[in-house]
C-alpha atoms as a PDB file:
ATOM      1  CA  MET A   1      98.072  70.687  86.969  1.00  0.00           C
ATOM      2  CA  LYS A   2      99.561  74.177  87.108  1.00  0.00           C
ATOM      3  CA  LYS A   3      97.213  77.015  87.901  1.00  0.00           C
ATOM      4  CA  THR A   4      96.535  79.718  85.336  1.00  0.00           C
ATOM      5  CA  THR A   5      97.419  83.195  86.512  1.00  0.00           C
ATOM      6  CA  ILE A   6      95.147  85.777  84.894  1.00  0.00           C
ATOM      7  CA  SER A   7      95.635  89.470  85.474  1.00  0.00           C
ATOM      8  CA  PRO A   8      92.521  91.647  85.188  1.00  0.00           C
ATOM      9  CA  PHE A   9      94.505  94.491  83.597  1.00  0.00           C
ATOM     10  CA  LEU A  10      97.803  94.811  81.778  1.00  0.00           C
ATOM     11  CA  ARG A  11      99.256  98.063  80.543  1.00  0.00           C
ATOM     12  CA  PRO A  12      99.766  98.171  76.778  1.00  0.00           C
ATOM     13  CA  GLY A  13     103.351  97.911  75.548  1.00  0.00           C
ATOM     14  CA  PHE A  14     104.701  99.536  72.378  1.00  0.00           C
ATOM     15  CA  GLN A  15     107.740  98.520  70.332  1.00  0.00           C
ATOM     16  CA  LEU A  16     108.792 100.382  67.186  1.00  0.00           C
ATOM     17  CA  GLU A  17     110.310  98.045  64.577  1.00  0.00           C
ATOM     18  CA  VAL A  18     110.745 100.155  61.420  1.00  0.00           C
ATOM     19  CA  ALA A  19     110.398 103.863  60.631  1.00  0.00           C
ATOM     20  CA  HIS A  20     111.229 105.003  57.110  1.00  0.00           C
ATOM     21  CA  VAL A  21     110.347 107.289  54.200  1.00  0.00           C
ATOM     22  CA  GLN A  22     110.735 106.133  50.607  1.00  0.00           C
ATOM     23  CA  SER A  23     109.160 106.379  47.173  1.00  0.00           C
ATOM     24  CA  ILE A  24     106.785 103.822  45.701  1.00  0.00           C
ATOM     25  CA  ASP A  25     105.836 103.224  42.079  1.00  0.00           C
ATOM     26  CA  PRO A  26     103.434 101.090  40.010  1.00  0.00           C
ATOM     27  CA  CYS A  27     105.396  97.898  40.782  1.00  0.00           C
ATOM     28  CA  TRP A  28     103.542  98.117  44.120  1.00  0.00           C
ATOM     29  CA  ASN A  29     100.452  96.772  42.319  1.00  0.00           C
ATOM     30  CA  HIS A  30      98.783  93.734  43.866  1.00  0.00           C
ATOM     31  CA  VAL A  31     101.535  92.959  46.381  1.00  0.00           C
ATOM     32  CA  GLN A  32      99.897  91.243  49.352  1.00  0.00           C
ATOM     33  CA  LEU A  33     100.005  92.782  52.812  1.00  0.00           C
ATOM     34  CA  PRO A  34     101.601  90.106  55.034  1.00  0.00           C
ATOM     35  CA  GLY A  35      99.848  91.209  58.222  1.00  0.00           C
ATOM     36  CA  ILE A  36     102.714  90.760  60.678  1.00  0.00           C
ATOM     37  CA  HIS A  37     103.010  94.197  62.300  1.00  0.00           C
ATOM     38  CA  TRP A  38     100.788  97.104  63.005  1.00  0.00           C
ATOM     39  CA  ARG A  39     101.466  99.471  60.099  1.00  0.00           C
ATOM     40  CA  LEU A  40     100.995 103.219  59.866  1.00  0.00           C
ATOM     41  CA  TYR A  41     101.100 104.884  56.441  1.00  0.00           C
ATOM     42  CA  HIS A  42     101.049 108.370  55.006  1.00  0.00           C
ATOM     43  CA  ASN A  43     101.450 109.221  51.307  1.00  0.00           C
ATOM     44  CA  ASP A  44     102.304 112.768  50.291  1.00  0.00           C
ATOM     45  CA  ARG A  45     100.159 112.564  47.128  1.00  0.00           C
ATOM     46  CA  PRO A  46      97.233 110.456  45.868  1.00  0.00           C
ATOM     47  CA  GLY A  47      97.388 107.540  43.452  1.00  0.00           C
ATOM     48  CA  SER A  48      97.900 104.416  45.564  1.00  0.00           C
ATOM     49  CA  GLY A  49      96.095 102.441  48.226  1.00  0.00           C
ATOM     50  CA  LEU A  50      94.780  99.131  49.524  1.00  0.00           C
ATOM     51  CA  ILE A  51      92.678  96.449  47.849  1.00  0.00           C
ATOM     52  CA  HIS A  52      90.323  94.398  50.054  1.00  0.00           C
ATOM     53  CA  PRO A  53      89.756  90.689  49.298  1.00  0.00           C
ATOM     54  CA  ASP A  54      86.348  91.602  47.820  1.00  0.00           C
ATOM     55  CA  GLY A  55      88.053  93.929  45.327  1.00  0.00           C
ATOM     56  CA  SER A  56      87.048  97.216  46.979  1.00  0.00           C
ATOM     57  CA  ARG A  57      89.737  99.878  47.338  1.00  0.00           C
ATOM     58  CA  ILE A  58      90.855 102.350  49.979  1.00  0.00           C
ATOM     59  CA  ALA A  59      92.837 105.220  48.475  1.00  0.00           C
ATOM     60  CA  LEU A  60      95.675 106.544  50.638  1.00  0.00           C
ATOM     61  CA  ALA A  61      94.867 110.265  50.592  1.00  0.00           C
ATOM     62  CA  PRO A  62      97.415 112.903  51.716  1.00  0.00           C
ATOM     63  CA  ASP A  63      95.013 114.397  54.291  1.00  0.00           C
ATOM     64  CA  SER A  64      94.831 111.219  56.413  1.00  0.00           C
ATOM     65  CA  LEU A  65      96.940 108.611  58.178  1.00  0.00           C
ATOM     66  CA  TYR A  66      96.112 104.923  57.723  1.00  0.00           C
ATOM     67  CA  LEU A  67      96.569 102.444  60.550  1.00  0.00           C
ATOM     68  CA  ILE A  68      96.467  98.757  59.622  1.00  0.00           C
ATOM     69  CA  PRO A  69      96.316  96.057  62.334  1.00  0.00           C
ATOM     70  CA  PRO A  70      98.066  92.684  62.039  1.00  0.00           C
ATOM     71  CA  ALA A  71      96.250  89.935  60.124  1.00  0.00           C
ATOM     72  CA  THR A  72      94.464  92.425  57.864  1.00  0.00           C
ATOM     73  CA  ARG A  73      94.025  90.754  54.482  1.00  0.00           C
ATOM     74  CA  ALA A  74      94.672  93.265  51.726  1.00  0.00           C
ATOM     75  CA  GLY A  75      96.631  93.871  48.582  1.00  0.00           C
ATOM     76  CA  SER A  76      98.063  97.122  47.282  1.00  0.00           C
ATOM     77  CA  TYR A  77      97.973  99.222  44.149  1.00  0.00           C
ATOM     78  CA  SER A  78      99.862 102.239  42.836  1.00  0.00           C
ATOM     79  CA  GLU A  79      99.125 104.445  39.852  1.00  0.00           C
ATOM     80  CA  SER A  80     101.648 107.177  40.729  1.00  0.00           C
ATOM     81  CA  SER A  81     104.907 107.615  42.669  1.00  0.00           C
ATOM     82  CA  PRO A  82     104.107 109.116  46.074  1.00  0.00           C
ATOM     83  CA  GLN A  83     106.646 109.446  48.830  1.00  0.00           C
ATOM     84  CA  GLN A  84     105.466 107.231  51.635  1.00  0.00           C
ATOM     85  CA  LEU A  85     106.181 107.418  55.356  1.00  0.00           C
ATOM     86  CA  PHE A  86     105.629 104.073  57.019  1.00  0.00           C
ATOM     87  CA  LEU A  87     105.997 102.801  60.568  1.00  0.00           C
ATOM     88  CA  HIS A  88     105.921  99.175  61.705  1.00  0.00           C
ATOM     89  CA  PHE A  89     105.353  98.430  65.375  1.00  0.00           C
ATOM     90  CA  HIS A  90     104.128  95.849  67.852  1.00  0.00           C
ATOM     91  CA  LEU A  91     101.555  96.306  70.587  1.00  0.00           C
ATOM     92  CA  GLU A  92     101.816  94.084  73.635  1.00  0.00           C
ATOM     93  CA  ASN A  93      98.961  93.233  75.982  1.00  0.00           C
ATOM     94  CA  CYS A  94      96.238  94.601  73.735  1.00  0.00           C
ATOM     95  CA  ARG A  95      94.511  93.559  70.530  1.00  0.00           C
ATOM     96  CA  VAL A  96      92.076  95.065  68.079  1.00  0.00           C
ATOM     97  CA  LYS A  97      88.489  93.995  67.483  1.00  0.00           C
ATOM     98  CA  GLY A  98      88.505  92.492  64.007  1.00  0.00           C
ATOM     99  CA  THR A  99      90.903  93.676  61.313  1.00  0.00           C
ATOM    100  CA  PRO A 100      89.679  97.094  60.158  1.00  0.00           C
ATOM    101  CA  VAL A 101      91.722  99.769  58.441  1.00  0.00           C
ATOM    102  CA  PHE A 102      91.586 102.860  60.640  1.00  0.00           C
ATOM    103  CA  ILE A 103      91.557 106.178  58.779  1.00  0.00           C
ATOM    104  CA  ILE A 104      92.690 109.103  60.941  1.00  0.00           C
ATOM    105  CA  ALA A 105      92.153 112.584  59.518  1.00  0.00           C
ATOM    106  CA  LEU A 106      95.080 114.957  60.023  1.00  0.00           C
ATOM    107  CA  ASP A 107      94.432 117.691  62.576  1.00  0.00           C
ATOM    108  CA  ASP A 108      96.942 120.460  63.314  1.00  0.00           C
ATOM    109  CA  MET A 109      98.773 118.462  65.985  1.00  0.00           C
ATOM    110  CA  LEU A 110      99.103 115.337  63.839  1.00  0.00           C
ATOM    111  CA  ARG A 111     100.097 117.373  60.789  1.00  0.00           C
ATOM    112  CA  ASN A 112     102.908 119.136  62.681  1.00  0.00           C
ATOM    113  CA  LEU A 113     104.110 115.859  64.145  1.00  0.00           C
ATOM    114  CA  LEU A 114     103.952 114.195  60.738  1.00  0.00           C
ATOM    115  CA  VAL A 115     105.984 116.970  59.087  1.00  0.00           C
ATOM    116  CA  ARG A 116     108.653 116.778  61.793  1.00  0.00           C
ATOM    117  CA  THR A 117     108.817 112.978  61.689  1.00  0.00           C
ATOM    118  CA  ARG A 118     109.099 112.902  57.902  1.00  0.00           C
ATOM    119  CA  GLU A 119     111.895 115.497  57.948  1.00  0.00           C
ATOM    120  CA  LEU A 120     113.837 113.654  60.636  1.00  0.00           C
ATOM    121  CA  LEU A 121     113.491 110.286  58.893  1.00  0.00           C
ATOM    122  CA  LEU A 122     114.723 111.777  55.631  1.00  0.00           C
ATOM    123  CA  THR A 123     117.734 113.518  57.163  1.00  0.00           C
ATOM    124  CA  GLN A 124     118.761 111.429  60.198  1.00  0.00           C
ATOM    125  CA  GLU A 125     116.707 108.247  60.273  1.00  0.00           C
ATOM    126  CA  ASN A 126     118.739 106.459  62.936  1.00  0.00           C
ATOM    127  CA  SER A 127     118.870 109.355  65.380  1.00  0.00           C
ATOM    128  CA  PRO A 128     117.036 109.202  68.723  1.00  0.00           C
ATOM    129  CA  ALA A 129     115.043 112.271  67.670  1.00  0.00           C
ATOM    130  CA  ALA A 130     113.725 110.499  64.555  1.00  0.00           C
ATOM    131  CA  GLN A 131     112.855 107.367  66.496  1.00  0.00           C
ATOM    132  CA  PHE A 132     111.097 109.236  69.321  1.00  0.00           C
ATOM    133  CA  SER A 133     109.211 111.387  66.843  1.00  0.00           C
ATOM    134  CA  SER A 134     108.057 108.214  65.059  1.00  0.00           C
ATOM    135  CA  ILE A 135     106.896 106.731  68.351  1.00  0.00           C
ATOM    136  CA  ALA A 136     105.072 109.952  69.207  1.00  0.00           C
ATOM    137  CA  LEU A 137     103.281 109.910  65.839  1.00  0.00           C
ATOM    138  CA  ALA A 138     102.206 106.275  66.184  1.00  0.00           C
ATOM    139  CA  THR A 139     100.983 106.653  69.763  1.00  0.00           C
ATOM    140  CA  ALA A 140      99.152 109.886  68.904  1.00  0.00           C
ATOM    141  CA  VAL A 141      97.255 107.956  66.227  1.00  0.00           C
ATOM    142  CA  LEU A 142      96.516 105.073  68.613  1.00  0.00           C
ATOM    143  CA  ALA A 143      95.150 107.570  71.151  1.00  0.00           C
ATOM    144  CA  ARG A 144      92.663 108.781  68.536  1.00  0.00           C
ATOM    145  CA  LEU A 145      91.109 105.361  67.937  1.00  0.00           C
ATOM    146  CA  PRO A 146      87.562 104.762  69.222  1.00  0.00           C
ATOM    147  CA  VAL A 147      87.672 103.957  72.949  1.00  0.00           C
ATOM    148  CA  ASP A 148      86.412 100.414  72.367  1.00  0.00           C
ATOM    149  CA  ALA A 149      88.690  99.629  69.387  1.00  0.00           C
ATOM    150  CA  LEU A 150      91.434  97.949  71.426  1.00  0.00           C
ATOM    151  CA  ILE A 151      90.964  95.044  73.810  1.00  0.00           C
ATOM    152  CA  VAL A 152      93.231  94.485  76.817  1.00  0.00           C
ATOM    153  CA  ALA A 153      94.682  90.999  76.459  1.00  0.00           C
ATOM    154  CA  GLU A 154      94.503  88.398  79.160  1.00  0.00           C
ATOM    155  CA  SER A 155      97.644  87.119  80.825  1.00  0.00           C
ATOM    156  CA  ASP A 156      98.379  83.441  81.381  1.00  0.00           C
ATOM    157  CA  SER A 157     101.602  82.512  83.171  1.00  0.00           C
ATOM    158  CA  ARG A 158     102.013  79.381  81.046  1.00  0.00           C
ATOM    159  CA  ILE A 159     101.752  81.334  77.792  1.00  0.00           C
ATOM    160  CA  VAL A 160     104.165  83.968  79.158  1.00  0.00           C
ATOM    161  CA  GLN A 161     106.674  81.190  79.892  1.00  0.00           C
ATOM    162  CA  ALA A 162     106.202  79.702  76.424  1.00  0.00           C
ATOM    163  CA  CYS A 163     106.937  83.111  74.900  1.00  0.00           C
ATOM    164  CA  GLU A 164     110.030  83.512  77.065  1.00  0.00           C
ATOM    165  CA  LEU A 165     111.244  80.098  75.936  1.00  0.00           C
ATOM    166  CA  MET A 166     110.859  80.979  72.256  1.00  0.00           C
ATOM    167  CA  ARG A 167     112.589  84.333  72.781  1.00  0.00           C
ATOM    168  CA  ALA A 168     115.494  82.638  74.577  1.00  0.00           C
ATOM    169  CA  HIS A 169     115.944  79.989  71.856  1.00  0.00           C
ATOM    170  CA  PRO A 170     114.611  81.276  68.528  1.00  0.00           C
ATOM    171  CA  GLU A 171     116.933  78.914  66.665  1.00  0.00           C
ATOM    172  CA  LYS A 172     114.941  75.887  67.813  1.00  0.00           C
ATOM    173  CA  ALA A 173     112.211  74.382  65.629  1.00  0.00           C
ATOM    174  CA  TRP A 174     109.533  74.663  68.297  1.00  0.00           C
ATOM    175  CA  ARG A 175     106.491  72.465  67.718  1.00  0.00           C
ATOM    176  CA  ASN A 176     103.113  73.270  69.226  1.00  0.00           C
ATOM    177  CA  SER A 177     102.914  69.735  70.619  1.00  0.00           C
ATOM    178  CA  GLU A 178     106.259  70.162  72.415  1.00  0.00           C
ATOM    179  CA  LEU A 179     105.286  73.497  73.964  1.00  0.00           C
ATOM    180  CA  ALA A 180     101.849  72.171  74.892  1.00  0.00           C
ATOM    181  CA  GLU A 181     103.368  69.202  76.737  1.00  0.00           C
ATOM    182  CA  ARG A 182     105.797  71.428  78.635  1.00  0.00           C
ATOM    183  CA  PHE A 183     102.970  73.586  79.970  1.00  0.00           C
ATOM    184  CA  TYR A 184     100.315  70.919  80.538  1.00  0.00           C
ATOM    185  CA  PHE A 185      98.038  71.622  77.586  1.00  0.00           C
ATOM    186  CA  SER A 186      96.700  69.477  74.819  1.00  0.00           C
ATOM    187  CA  THR A 187      98.084  70.695  71.500  1.00  0.00           C
ATOM    188  CA  ASN A 188      94.777  72.177  70.362  1.00  0.00           C
ATOM    189  CA  ALA A 189      94.127  73.807  73.740  1.00  0.00           C
ATOM    190  CA  PHE A 190      97.621  75.340  73.775  1.00  0.00           C
ATOM    191  CA  THR A 191      97.240  76.810  70.277  1.00  0.00           C
ATOM    192  CA  ARG A 192      93.807  78.182  71.111  1.00  0.00           C
ATOM    193  CA  ARG A 193      94.915  79.650  74.442  1.00  0.00           C
ATOM    194  CA  PHE A 194      98.067  81.156  72.927  1.00  0.00           C
ATOM    195  CA  ARG A 195      95.997  82.962  70.332  1.00  0.00           C
ATOM    196  CA  GLU A 196      93.532  84.199  72.969  1.00  0.00           C
ATOM    197  CA  VAL A 197      96.360  85.751  74.998  1.00  0.00           C
ATOM    198  CA  MET A 198      98.790  86.873  72.275  1.00  0.00           C
ATOM    199  CA  GLY A 199      96.441  87.534  69.371  1.00  0.00           C
ATOM    200  CA  ILE A 200      98.542  85.432  66.955  1.00  0.00           C
ATOM    201  CA  THR A 201      99.542  81.780  66.610  1.00  0.00           C
ATOM    202  CA  PRO A 202     102.711  80.351  68.211  1.00  0.00           C
ATOM    203  CA  HIS A 203     104.230  79.975  64.736  1.00  0.00           C
ATOM    204  CA  HIS A 204     103.665  83.629  63.868  1.00  0.00           C
ATOM    205  CA  TYR A 205     105.009  84.711  67.262  1.00  0.00           C
ATOM    206  CA  LEU A 206     108.205  82.714  66.679  1.00  0.00           C
ATOM    207  CA  GLN A 207     108.576  84.187  63.205  1.00  0.00           C
ATOM    208  CA  GLU A 208     108.222  87.713  64.604  1.00  0.00           C
ATOM    209  CA  ILE A 209     110.968  86.997  67.118  1.00  0.00           C
ATOM    210  CA  ARG A 210     113.242  85.534  64.458  1.00  0.00           C
ATOM    211  CA  TYR A 211     112.958  88.362  61.972  1.00  0.00           C
ATOM    212  CA  ALA A 212     113.177  91.069  64.637  1.00  0.00           C
ATOM    213  CA  LEU A 213     116.407  89.436  65.860  1.00  0.00           C
ATOM    214  CA  ALA A 214     117.659  89.162  62.271  1.00  0.00           C
ATOM    215  CA  ALA A 215     117.130  92.914  61.833  1.00  0.00           C
ATOM    216  CA  GLN A 216     119.088  93.622  65.024  1.00  0.00           C
ATOM    217  CA  LEU A 217     121.958  91.388  63.870  1.00  0.00           C
ATOM    218  CA  LEU A 218     122.069  93.003  60.429  1.00  0.00           C
ATOM    219  CA  GLU A 219     122.243  96.432  62.035  1.00  0.00           C
ATOM    220  CA  SER A 220     124.725  95.739  64.819  1.00  0.00           C
ATOM    221  CA  THR A 221     127.032  92.971  63.514  1.00  0.00           C
ATOM    222  CA  SER A 222     128.958  91.910  60.412  1.00  0.00           C
ATOM    223  CA  LEU A 223     127.541  88.376  60.460  1.00  0.00           C
ATOM    224  CA  THR A 224     126.835  86.873  57.058  1.00  0.00           C
ATOM    225  CA  ILE A 225     123.300  85.964  55.971  1.00  0.00           C
ATOM    226  CA  GLY A 226     124.160  82.296  56.508  1.00  0.00           C
ATOM    227  CA  GLU A 227     125.358  82.958  60.064  1.00  0.00           C
ATOM    228  CA  ILE A 228     122.235  84.982  60.856  1.00  0.00           C
ATOM    229  CA  CYS A 229     120.045  82.210  59.460  1.00  0.00           C
ATOM    230  CA  GLU A 230     121.771  79.752  61.778  1.00  0.00           C
ATOM    231  CA  LYS A 231     121.177  81.947  64.807  1.00  0.00           C
ATOM    232  CA  ILE A 232     117.460  82.309  64.113  1.00  0.00           C
ATOM    233  CA  GLY A 233     116.737  78.764  62.964  1.00  0.00           C
ATOM    234  CA  ILE A 234     116.150  79.384  59.243  1.00  0.00           C
ATOM    235  CA  ARG A 235     117.785  76.786  56.988  1.00  0.00           C
ATOM    236  CA  ASP A 236     117.302  78.357  53.560  1.00  0.00           C
ATOM    237  CA  PRO A 237     118.986  81.760  52.978  1.00  0.00           C
ATOM    238  CA  PHE A 238     116.781  82.423  49.929  1.00  0.00           C
ATOM    239  CA  HIS A 239     113.646  81.822  51.997  1.00  0.00           C
ATOM    240  CA  PHE A 240     115.110  84.066  54.713  1.00  0.00           C
ATOM    241  CA  SER A 241     115.731  86.933  52.267  1.00  0.00           C
ATOM    242  CA  ARG A 242     112.225  86.683  50.817  1.00  0.00           C
ATOM    243  CA  GLU A 243     110.549  86.600  54.229  1.00  0.00           C
ATOM    244  CA  PHE A 244     112.784  89.330  55.650  1.00  0.00           C
ATOM    245  CA  LYS A 245     111.590  91.645  52.886  1.00  0.00           C
ATOM    246  CA  ARG A 246     107.977  90.832  53.794  1.00  0.00           C
ATOM    247  CA  TYR A 247     108.619  91.833  57.393  1.00  0.00           C
ATOM    248  CA  HIS A 248     110.861  94.854  56.884  1.00  0.00           C
ATOM    249  CA  GLU A 249     110.048  96.011  53.323  1.00  0.00           C
ATOM    250  CA  ARG A 250     113.720  95.955  52.375  1.00  0.00           C
ATOM    251  CA  SER A 251     116.138  93.201  51.393  1.00  0.00           C
ATOM    252  CA  PRO A 252     118.586  92.135  54.139  1.00  0.00           C
ATOM    253  CA  SER A 253     121.518  93.751  52.306  1.00  0.00           C
ATOM    254  CA  LEU A 254     119.718  97.067  51.812  1.00  0.00           C
ATOM    255  CA  TYR A 255     118.414  97.018  55.386  1.00  0.00           C
ATOM    256  CA  ARG A 256     121.985  96.621  56.664  1.00  0.00           C
ATOM    257  CA  LYS A 257     123.308  99.439  54.462  1.00  0.00           C
ATOM    258  CA  VAL A 258     120.571 101.846  55.518  1.00  0.00           C
ATOM    259  CA  ARG A 259     120.674 101.024  59.219  1.00  0.00           C
ATOM    260  CA  GLN A 260     124.476 101.118  59.369  1.00  0.00           C
ATOM    261  CA  GLY A 261     124.508 104.437  57.517  1.00  0.00           C
ATOM    262  CA  THR A 262     126.440 103.225  54.469  1.00  0.00           C
ATOM    263  CA  ALA A 263     123.590 103.883  52.017  1.00  0.00           C
ATOM    264  CA  LYS A 264     122.114 107.314  51.379  1.00  0.00           C
ATOM    265  CA  ILE A 265     119.507 106.303  48.815  1.00  0.00           C
ATOM    266  CA  THR A 266     115.738 106.245  48.523  1.00  0.00           C
ATOM    267  CA  PRO A 267     114.856 102.670  47.448  1.00  0.00           C
ATOM    268  CA  VAL A 268     111.703 101.810  45.541  1.00  0.00           C
ATOM    269  CA  LEU A 269     109.148  99.969  47.635  1.00  0.00           C
ATOM    270  CA  THR A 270     108.311  96.584  46.132  1.00  0.00           C
ATOM    271  CA  ASN A 271     106.517  95.050  49.110  1.00  0.00           C
ATOM    272  CA  PHE A 272     103.644  96.300  51.235  1.00  0.00           C
END
């Protein structure tokens, strides 16, 4: 049996997926938060927010930023049309305790950074300055979390190799039983260990890889939706379009137009 390599400390990794500003309206009501990315939100006026499974609400107030970890179960509501700045990102090698919604009050530093980030995203979204400003805003918020809010993840060489395999071949229909056999686990033990190390299931990890790659292909190539589906292992283009919008809050066609600079519009947000 292969030995498990566990590192006592791993430095957190940060990857920005989406940074955007757009308007939302009452069609935002009761859309379910998919819980794939970390999400950071700021609304410039009141009138919308989150709905917990128990029916309680968190209003998104203009004087705060709202940080939502993956796997947070919540819906959304809107009673006005605020302009919303939102960031999606991944954190590697660390996880959060539970699935709270962190509310970070704006201080002078955050407010200045927020104003600059919003302006850059509205005027030159794809520029390095806009992307770095978005990263700075997200990491400044993460640095303000309680010191015990994030947990450093364990490392297991077998799980690392399984992740590398899925990243190298996202088009394959990887089964937990197949990956478990490759790395000398039972299926249940592999799934449990994967979640301990990565914080999500193997299926969700593969889906993240697929839809992150799809976004890159939409931005950097002229491949059709069908060709992109083939490269990432999705058989149904309609299912792909629906799921892509859950991950990236825009349809594939609109995402391509915005990221390639051929659309200068402010779309209405219909997914949270």
